[in-house]
Amino acid sequence: MKLRSVFLLVFIIILADQSVKIWVKTHMPLSYQWDFYHRPVSRYDRGIKVLGDKFQIYFVENEGMAWGKSFGGYWGKTALTLFRLVAVIFGVFYIRSIVRKNYHPGFIFCVGLIFAGALGNLIDSMFYGLIFNESTTEHVSRIFNSPGYAGFLHGKVVDMLYFPLIRSHYPGWIPYIGGDEFEFFSPVFNIADASISVGVIAILLFQKRFFRKENPKNESTVETNSEVNDTMQVS
């Protein structure tokens, strides 16, 4: 797999991810916000139904960690974004290395997916606070309408894809949570998150194929026409 093919893949994912995020950010108010336990707070029925109740577009924001949790306030957010920036820079050199070493095309493709997803969310964290107004449950945000809602490295990651495939309740006999609402699949995510997840899962599923070692070829013996006899002397 050629290096330009990998970066074409990355470009396509970034373009799709950022296009959807910018549209959602500038056309939808926040659908709801997360508390520390990833429960919706101030939820509003403002989602767009794509496939009925099974696939909806909701607009939520998070600090960039899994499940929308924050990390250590201002400096924690700075450290998190810088760490992701270093990881993305490392990813550029790593992709170049595995392409030059002719790794399995499937593995290179998966690494490209992970890299694209990481870069997509990093763009949010680095720049969205500078170029967007604050989004609320009442008003949509505007782009390039200063001042922004946060400084450099402190933007929020935009999520919108919501697949509540099953909605039910836990059986009443289960301690503590019996009778509570149960929902699968509850996380709201974005294209970048999906790209990372697909890449990681594919590597785990096909790792034997990606890292299979070829059996060494049998070395051919050297034949000579020389006659070996007892009188031959080796000096």
C-alpha atoms as a PDB file:
ATOM      1  CA  MET A   1       0.000   0.000   0.000  1.00  0.00           C
ATOM      2  CA  LYS A   2       1.447   3.346  -1.034  1.00  0.00           C
ATOM      3  CA  LEU A   3       1.905   6.273   1.295  1.00  0.00           C
ATOM      4  CA  ARG A   4      -0.241   8.559  -0.854  1.00  0.00           C
ATOM      5  CA  SER A   5      -3.096   6.044  -0.647  1.00  0.00           C
ATOM      6  CA  VAL A   6      -2.941   6.154   3.157  1.00  0.00           C
ATOM      7  CA  PHE A   7      -3.047   9.925   3.287  1.00  0.00           C
ATOM      8  CA  LEU A   8      -5.857  10.005   0.716  1.00  0.00           C
ATOM      9  CA  LEU A   9      -7.808   7.780   3.103  1.00  0.00           C
ATOM     10  CA  VAL A  10      -6.969  10.116   5.989  1.00  0.00           C
ATOM     11  CA  PHE A  11      -8.036  13.163   3.968  1.00  0.00           C
ATOM     12  CA  ILE A  12     -11.402  11.619   3.052  1.00  0.00           C
ATOM     13  CA  ILE A  13     -12.179  10.703   6.673  1.00  0.00           C
ATOM     14  CA  ILE A  14     -11.119  14.129   7.962  1.00  0.00           C
ATOM     15  CA  LEU A  15     -13.203  15.867   5.289  1.00  0.00           C
ATOM     16  CA  ALA A  16     -16.296  13.819   6.142  1.00  0.00           C
ATOM     17  CA  ASP A  17     -15.779  14.158   9.893  1.00  0.00           C
ATOM     18  CA  GLN A  18     -15.223  17.899   9.909  1.00  0.00           C
ATOM     19  CA  SER A  19     -17.999  18.606   7.411  1.00  0.00           C
ATOM     20  CA  VAL A  20     -20.573  16.854   9.580  1.00  0.00           C
ATOM     21  CA  LYS A  21     -19.256  18.466  12.771  1.00  0.00           C
ATOM     22  CA  ILE A  22     -19.325  21.978  11.329  1.00  0.00           C
ATOM     23  CA  TRP A  23     -22.841  21.489   9.946  1.00  0.00           C
ATOM     24  CA  VAL A  24     -24.142  20.171  13.283  1.00  0.00           C
ATOM     25  CA  LYS A  25     -22.365  22.905  15.228  1.00  0.00           C
ATOM     26  CA  THR A  26     -23.822  25.700  13.075  1.00  0.00           C
ATOM     27  CA  HIS A  27     -27.321  24.273  12.525  1.00  0.00           C
ATOM     28  CA  MET A  28     -28.335  22.572  15.768  1.00  0.00           C
ATOM     29  CA  PRO A  29     -28.535  23.682  19.402  1.00  0.00           C
ATOM     30  CA  LEU A  30     -27.153  21.290  21.956  1.00  0.00           C
ATOM     31  CA  SER A  31     -29.511  18.350  22.296  1.00  0.00           C
ATOM     32  CA  TYR A  32     -28.322  17.664  25.828  1.00  0.00           C
ATOM     33  CA  GLN A  33     -25.241  17.784  28.007  1.00  0.00           C
ATOM     34  CA  TRP A  34     -23.472  15.053  29.946  1.00  0.00           C
ATOM     35  CA  ASP A  35     -22.948  14.806  33.672  1.00  0.00           C
ATOM     36  CA  PHE A  36     -19.925  13.065  35.232  1.00  0.00           C
ATOM     37  CA  TYR A  37     -21.579   9.662  34.883  1.00  0.00           C
ATOM     38  CA  HIS A  38     -22.406  10.190  31.206  1.00  0.00           C
ATOM     39  CA  ARG A  39     -26.098  10.726  31.901  1.00  0.00           C
ATOM     40  CA  PRO A  40     -27.984  13.298  29.798  1.00  0.00           C
ATOM     41  CA  VAL A  41     -28.806  16.546  31.577  1.00  0.00           C
ATOM     42  CA  SER A  42     -31.255  19.152  30.224  1.00  0.00           C
ATOM     43  CA  ARG A  43     -32.253  16.812  27.444  1.00  0.00           C
ATOM     44  CA  TYR A  44     -34.368  18.220  24.643  1.00  0.00           C
ATOM     45  CA  ASP A  45     -36.142  16.365  21.825  1.00  0.00           C
ATOM     46  CA  ARG A  46     -34.156  18.118  19.137  1.00  0.00           C
ATOM     47  CA  GLY A  47     -32.541  15.145  17.481  1.00  0.00           C
ATOM     48  CA  ILE A  48     -32.970  14.457  13.771  1.00  0.00           C
ATOM     49  CA  LYS A  49     -34.435  11.008  13.104  1.00  0.00           C
ATOM     50  CA  VAL A  50     -32.610   9.325  10.239  1.00  0.00           C
ATOM     51  CA  LEU A  51     -33.903   5.755  10.610  1.00  0.00           C
ATOM     52  CA  GLY A  52     -36.744   6.282  13.021  1.00  0.00           C
ATOM     53  CA  ASP A  53     -35.734   5.826  16.634  1.00  0.00           C
ATOM     54  CA  LYS A  54     -32.852   3.490  15.725  1.00  0.00           C
ATOM     55  CA  PHE A  55     -30.536   6.112  14.254  1.00  0.00           C
ATOM     56  CA  GLN A  56     -30.679   9.770  15.191  1.00  0.00           C
ATOM     57  CA  ILE A  57     -28.503  12.849  14.909  1.00  0.00           C
ATOM     58  CA  TYR A  58     -27.975  14.475  18.288  1.00  0.00           C
ATOM     59  CA  PHE A  59     -25.607  17.318  19.095  1.00  0.00           C
ATOM     60  CA  VAL A  60     -23.467  16.930  22.193  1.00  0.00           C
ATOM     61  CA  GLU A  61     -19.994  18.139  23.146  1.00  0.00           C
ATOM     62  CA  ASN A  62     -17.344  16.689  25.412  1.00  0.00           C
ATOM     63  CA  GLU A  63     -13.861  17.518  26.633  1.00  0.00           C
ATOM     64  CA  GLY A  64     -12.245  14.903  24.438  1.00  0.00           C
ATOM     65  CA  MET A  65     -12.098  11.914  26.766  1.00  0.00           C
ATOM     66  CA  ALA A  66     -14.156   8.749  26.522  1.00  0.00           C
ATOM     67  CA  TRP A  67     -17.751   9.039  27.725  1.00  0.00           C
ATOM     68  CA  GLY A  68     -17.532  12.818  27.834  1.00  0.00           C
ATOM     69  CA  LYS A  69     -15.613  13.016  31.116  1.00  0.00           C
ATOM     70  CA  SER A  70     -13.307  15.929  31.878  1.00  0.00           C
ATOM     71  CA  PHE A  71      -9.717  15.626  32.987  1.00  0.00           C
ATOM     72  CA  GLY A  72      -8.180  17.883  35.584  1.00  0.00           C
ATOM     73  CA  GLY A  73      -9.743  21.198  34.610  1.00  0.00           C
ATOM     74  CA  TYR A  74      -7.838  23.756  32.530  1.00  0.00           C
ATOM     75  CA  TRP A  75      -4.382  22.208  32.786  1.00  0.00           C
ATOM     76  CA  GLY A  76      -5.741  18.719  32.458  1.00  0.00           C
ATOM     77  CA  LYS A  77      -7.410  19.660  29.190  1.00  0.00           C
ATOM     78  CA  THR A  78      -4.177  21.274  27.999  1.00  0.00           C
ATOM     79  CA  ALA A  79      -2.169  18.160  28.854  1.00  0.00           C
ATOM     80  CA  LEU A  80      -4.713  15.905  27.155  1.00  0.00           C
ATOM     81  CA  THR A  81      -4.673  17.898  23.921  1.00  0.00           C
ATOM     82  CA  LEU A  82      -0.867  18.119  23.863  1.00  0.00           C
ATOM     83  CA  PHE A  83      -0.607  14.381  24.448  1.00  0.00           C
ATOM     84  CA  ARG A  84      -2.920  13.735  21.517  1.00  0.00           C
ATOM     85  CA  LEU A  85      -0.904  16.166  19.380  1.00  0.00           C
ATOM     86  CA  VAL A  86       2.313  14.262  20.142  1.00  0.00           C
ATOM     87  CA  ALA A  87       0.557  10.977  19.358  1.00  0.00           C
ATOM     88  CA  VAL A  88      -0.605  12.301  15.974  1.00  0.00           C
ATOM     89  CA  ILE A  89       2.888  13.553  15.093  1.00  0.00           C
ATOM     90  CA  PHE A  90       4.296  10.158  16.043  1.00  0.00           C
ATOM     91  CA  GLY A  91       1.607   8.570  13.872  1.00  0.00           C
ATOM     92  CA  VAL A  92       2.903  10.351  10.769  1.00  0.00           C
ATOM     93  CA  PHE A  93       6.368   8.846  11.170  1.00  0.00           C
ATOM     94  CA  TYR A  94       4.946   5.454  12.122  1.00  0.00           C
ATOM     95  CA  ILE A  95       2.805   5.280   8.987  1.00  0.00           C
ATOM     96  CA  ARG A  96       5.792   6.201   6.817  1.00  0.00           C
ATOM     97  CA  SER A  97       7.815   3.482   8.526  1.00  0.00           C
ATOM     98  CA  ILE A  98       5.297   0.644   8.071  1.00  0.00           C
ATOM     99  CA  VAL A  99       4.708   1.614   4.429  1.00  0.00           C
ATOM    100  CA  ARG A 100       8.436   1.531   3.671  1.00  0.00           C
ATOM    101  CA  LYS A 101       8.770  -1.821   5.426  1.00  0.00           C
ATOM    102  CA  ASN A 102       5.924  -3.245   3.326  1.00  0.00           C
ATOM    103  CA  TYR A 103       3.652  -4.225   6.199  1.00  0.00           C
ATOM    104  CA  HIS A 104       0.399  -5.999   5.354  1.00  0.00           C
ATOM    105  CA  PRO A 105      -1.871  -3.581   3.418  1.00  0.00           C
ATOM    106  CA  GLY A 106      -4.751  -4.368   5.777  1.00  0.00           C
ATOM    107  CA  PHE A 107      -2.695  -3.352   8.800  1.00  0.00           C
ATOM    108  CA  ILE A 108      -1.580  -0.121   7.123  1.00  0.00           C
ATOM    109  CA  PHE A 109      -5.208   0.633   6.261  1.00  0.00           C
ATOM    110  CA  CYS A 110      -6.278   0.118   9.886  1.00  0.00           C
ATOM    111  CA  VAL A 111      -3.471   2.332  11.189  1.00  0.00           C
ATOM    112  CA  GLY A 112      -4.625   4.978   8.711  1.00  0.00           C
ATOM    113  CA  LEU A 113      -8.153   4.759  10.145  1.00  0.00           C
ATOM    114  CA  ILE A 114      -6.884   5.190  13.702  1.00  0.00           C
ATOM    115  CA  PHE A 115      -4.648   8.087  12.695  1.00  0.00           C
ATOM    116  CA  ALA A 116      -7.466   9.849  10.842  1.00  0.00           C
ATOM    117  CA  GLY A 117      -9.805   9.509  13.811  1.00  0.00           C
ATOM    118  CA  ALA A 118      -7.242  10.839  16.249  1.00  0.00           C
ATOM    119  CA  LEU A 119      -6.478  13.800  13.976  1.00  0.00           C
ATOM    120  CA  GLY A 120     -10.171  14.555  13.469  1.00  0.00           C
ATOM    121  CA  ASN A 121     -10.848  14.901  17.195  1.00  0.00           C
ATOM    122  CA  LEU A 122      -7.576  16.762  17.722  1.00  0.00           C
ATOM    123  CA  ILE A 123      -8.726  19.461  15.293  1.00  0.00           C
ATOM    124  CA  ASP A 124     -11.788  20.016  17.490  1.00  0.00           C
ATOM    125  CA  SER A 125      -9.699  20.316  20.642  1.00  0.00           C
ATOM    126  CA  MET A 126      -7.134  22.651  19.118  1.00  0.00           C
ATOM    127  CA  PHE A 127      -9.247  25.066  17.072  1.00  0.00           C
ATOM    128  CA  TYR A 128     -12.985  24.853  17.768  1.00  0.00           C
ATOM    129  CA  GLY A 129     -12.750  27.036  20.867  1.00  0.00           C
ATOM    130  CA  LEU A 130     -11.185  29.767  18.727  1.00  0.00           C
ATOM    131  CA  ILE A 131     -13.490  29.713  15.718  1.00  0.00           C
ATOM    132  CA  PHE A 132     -16.913  28.978  17.240  1.00  0.00           C
ATOM    133  CA  ASN A 133     -19.228  30.714  19.700  1.00  0.00           C
ATOM    134  CA  GLU A 134     -20.508  28.775  22.678  1.00  0.00           C
ATOM    135  CA  SER A 135     -23.244  26.281  21.816  1.00  0.00           C
ATOM    136  CA  THR A 136     -26.235  26.091  24.160  1.00  0.00           C
ATOM    137  CA  THR A 137     -29.498  24.181  24.329  1.00  0.00           C
ATOM    138  CA  GLU A 138     -31.212  27.349  23.111  1.00  0.00           C
ATOM    139  CA  HIS A 139     -28.930  28.792  20.432  1.00  0.00           C
ATOM    140  CA  VAL A 140     -26.799  27.456  17.597  1.00  0.00           C
ATOM    141  CA  SER A 141     -23.172  28.458  17.289  1.00  0.00           C
ATOM    142  CA  ARG A 142     -21.632  30.700  14.666  1.00  0.00           C
ATOM    143  CA  ILE A 143     -18.291  30.144  13.018  1.00  0.00           C
ATOM    144  CA  PHE A 144     -15.634  32.859  12.757  1.00  0.00           C
ATOM    145  CA  ASN A 145     -17.768  35.195  14.866  1.00  0.00           C
ATOM    146  CA  SER A 146     -15.351  36.308  17.601  1.00  0.00           C
ATOM    147  CA  PRO A 147     -14.886  35.898  20.420  1.00  0.00           C
ATOM    148  CA  GLY A 148     -14.624  32.125  20.555  1.00  0.00           C
ATOM    149  CA  TYR A 149     -15.837  30.149  23.533  1.00  0.00           C
ATOM    150  CA  ALA A 150     -12.359  28.907  24.595  1.00  0.00           C
ATOM    151  CA  GLY A 151      -8.665  29.355  23.946  1.00  0.00           C
ATOM    152  CA  PHE A 152      -6.227  27.370  21.856  1.00  0.00           C
ATOM    153  CA  LEU A 153      -6.114  23.647  22.837  1.00  0.00           C
ATOM    154  CA  HIS A 154      -9.360  23.920  24.816  1.00  0.00           C
ATOM    155  CA  GLY A 155     -12.041  23.254  22.227  1.00  0.00           C
ATOM    156  CA  LYS A 156     -14.741  20.647  22.815  1.00  0.00           C
ATOM    157  CA  VAL A 157     -15.154  17.586  20.640  1.00  0.00           C
ATOM    158  CA  VAL A 158     -18.433  17.480  18.702  1.00  0.00           C
ATOM    159  CA  ASP A 159     -20.456  14.226  18.731  1.00  0.00           C
ATOM    160  CA  MET A 160     -23.680  13.528  16.854  1.00  0.00           C
ATOM    161  CA  LEU A 161     -24.253   9.869  15.860  1.00  0.00           C
ATOM    162  CA  TYR A 162     -26.740   8.137  18.147  1.00  0.00           C
ATOM    163  CA  PHE A 163     -27.908   4.511  17.759  1.00  0.00           C
ATOM    164  CA  PRO A 164     -30.365   3.592  20.549  1.00  0.00           C
ATOM    165  CA  LEU A 165     -30.984   0.114  19.140  1.00  0.00           C
ATOM    166  CA  ILE A 166     -32.678  -1.346  22.227  1.00  0.00           C
ATOM    167  CA  ARG A 167     -34.631   0.494  24.907  1.00  0.00           C
ATOM    168  CA  SER A 168     -35.995  -1.454  27.833  1.00  0.00           C
ATOM    169  CA  HIS A 169     -35.730  -1.775  31.624  1.00  0.00           C
ATOM    170  CA  TYR A 170     -33.557  -3.903  33.867  1.00  0.00           C
ATOM    171  CA  PRO A 171     -35.426  -6.780  35.555  1.00  0.00           C
ATOM    172  CA  GLY A 172     -36.780  -5.804  38.956  1.00  0.00           C
ATOM    173  CA  TRP A 173     -34.846  -8.568  40.746  1.00  0.00           C
ATOM    174  CA  ILE A 174     -31.425  -7.019  39.920  1.00  0.00           C
ATOM    175  CA  PRO A 175     -30.097  -5.170  43.021  1.00  0.00           C
ATOM    176  CA  TYR A 176     -29.711  -1.366  42.832  1.00  0.00           C
ATOM    177  CA  ILE A 177     -30.586  -1.023  39.127  1.00  0.00           C
ATOM    178  CA  GLY A 178     -33.750  -3.148  38.958  1.00  0.00           C
ATOM    179  CA  GLY A 179     -36.454  -1.291  37.083  1.00  0.00           C
ATOM    180  CA  ASP A 180     -34.069   1.379  35.753  1.00  0.00           C
ATOM    181  CA  GLU A 181     -34.106   2.231  32.087  1.00  0.00           C
ATOM    182  CA  PHE A 182     -31.728   0.206  29.922  1.00  0.00           C
ATOM    183  CA  GLU A 183     -30.468   1.392  26.567  1.00  0.00           C
ATOM    184  CA  PHE A 184     -28.236  -0.247  23.994  1.00  0.00           C
ATOM    185  CA  PHE A 185     -26.372   1.436  22.253  1.00  0.00           C
ATOM    186  CA  SER A 186     -26.289   4.662  24.309  1.00  0.00           C
ATOM    187  CA  PRO A 187     -23.021   6.504  23.449  1.00  0.00           C
ATOM    188  CA  VAL A 188     -23.167   9.461  21.069  1.00  0.00           C
ATOM    189  CA  PHE A 189     -20.086   9.544  18.868  1.00  0.00           C
ATOM    190  CA  ASN A 190     -18.680  10.999  15.660  1.00  0.00           C
ATOM    191  CA  ILE A 191     -17.079   9.759  12.444  1.00  0.00           C
ATOM    192  CA  ALA A 192     -13.590  10.115  13.931  1.00  0.00           C
ATOM    193  CA  ASP A 193     -14.557   7.900  16.882  1.00  0.00           C
ATOM    194  CA  ALA A 194     -16.015   5.321  14.499  1.00  0.00           C
ATOM    195  CA  SER A 195     -12.823   5.365  12.418  1.00  0.00           C
ATOM    196  CA  ILE A 196     -10.681   4.693  15.476  1.00  0.00           C
ATOM    197  CA  SER A 197     -12.973   1.914  16.696  1.00  0.00           C
ATOM    198  CA  VAL A 198     -13.095   0.158  13.314  1.00  0.00           C
ATOM    199  CA  GLY A 199      -9.307   0.321  12.987  1.00  0.00           C
ATOM    200  CA  VAL A 200      -8.637  -1.073  16.463  1.00  0.00           C
ATOM    201  CA  ILE A 201     -11.257  -3.836  16.215  1.00  0.00           C
ATOM    202  CA  ALA A 202     -10.021  -4.907  12.776  1.00  0.00           C
ATOM    203  CA  ILE A 203      -6.425  -5.168  14.017  1.00  0.00           C
ATOM    204  CA  LEU A 204      -7.553  -7.323  16.951  1.00  0.00           C
ATOM    205  CA  LEU A 205      -9.641  -9.580  14.711  1.00  0.00           C
ATOM    206  CA  PHE A 206      -7.104 -10.015  11.921  1.00  0.00           C
ATOM    207  CA  GLN A 207      -3.825  -9.721  13.793  1.00  0.00           C
ATOM    208  CA  LYS A 208      -2.733 -13.252  12.851  1.00  0.00           C
ATOM    209  CA  ARG A 209      -3.152 -12.420   9.200  1.00  0.00           C
ATOM    210  CA  PHE A 210      -1.550  -8.985   9.496  1.00  0.00           C
ATOM    211  CA  PHE A 211       1.509 -10.224  11.404  1.00  0.00           C
ATOM    212  CA  ARG A 212       1.869 -13.693   9.893  1.00  0.00           C
ATOM    213  CA  LYS A 213       5.452 -14.687   9.340  1.00  0.00           C
ATOM    214  CA  GLU A 214       6.227 -16.336   6.058  1.00  0.00           C
ATOM    215  CA  ASN A 215       7.991 -19.670   6.188  1.00  0.00           C
ATOM    216  CA  PRO A 216      11.605 -19.334   5.097  1.00  0.00           C
ATOM    217  CA  LYS A 217      12.310 -20.813   1.698  1.00  0.00           C
ATOM    218  CA  ASN A 218      14.385 -23.963   1.608  1.00  0.00           C
ATOM    219  CA  GLU A 219      17.921 -23.122   0.702  1.00  0.00           C
ATOM    220  CA  SER A 220      19.091 -24.884  -2.379  1.00  0.00           C
ATOM    221  CA  THR A 221      22.170 -27.049  -2.078  1.00  0.00           C
ATOM    222  CA  VAL A 222      25.154 -26.398  -4.222  1.00  0.00           C
ATOM    223  CA  GLU A 223      25.889 -29.236  -6.588  1.00  0.00           C
ATOM    224  CA  THR A 224      29.280 -29.765  -8.156  1.00  0.00           C
ATOM    225  CA  ASN A 225      30.565 -32.130 -10.743  1.00  0.00           C
ATOM    226  CA  SER A 226      33.689 -32.752  -8.740  1.00  0.00           C
ATOM    227  CA  GLU A 227      34.253 -36.389  -7.811  1.00  0.00           C
ATOM    228  CA  VAL A 228      34.939 -36.955  -4.148  1.00  0.00           C
ATOM    229  CA  ASN A 229      37.251 -39.817  -3.298  1.00  0.00           C
ATOM    230  CA  ASP A 230      39.481 -40.947  -0.531  1.00  0.00           C
ATOM    231  CA  THR A 231      42.545 -39.476  -2.126  1.00  0.00           C
ATOM    232  CA  MET A 232      41.206 -35.936  -2.176  1.00  0.00           C
ATOM    233  CA  GLN A 233      43.051 -33.741   0.233  1.00  0.00           C
ATOM    234  CA  VAL A 234      41.804 -30.536   1.682  1.00  0.00           C
ATOM    235  CA  SER A 235      44.496 -28.043   2.461  1.00  0.00           C
END
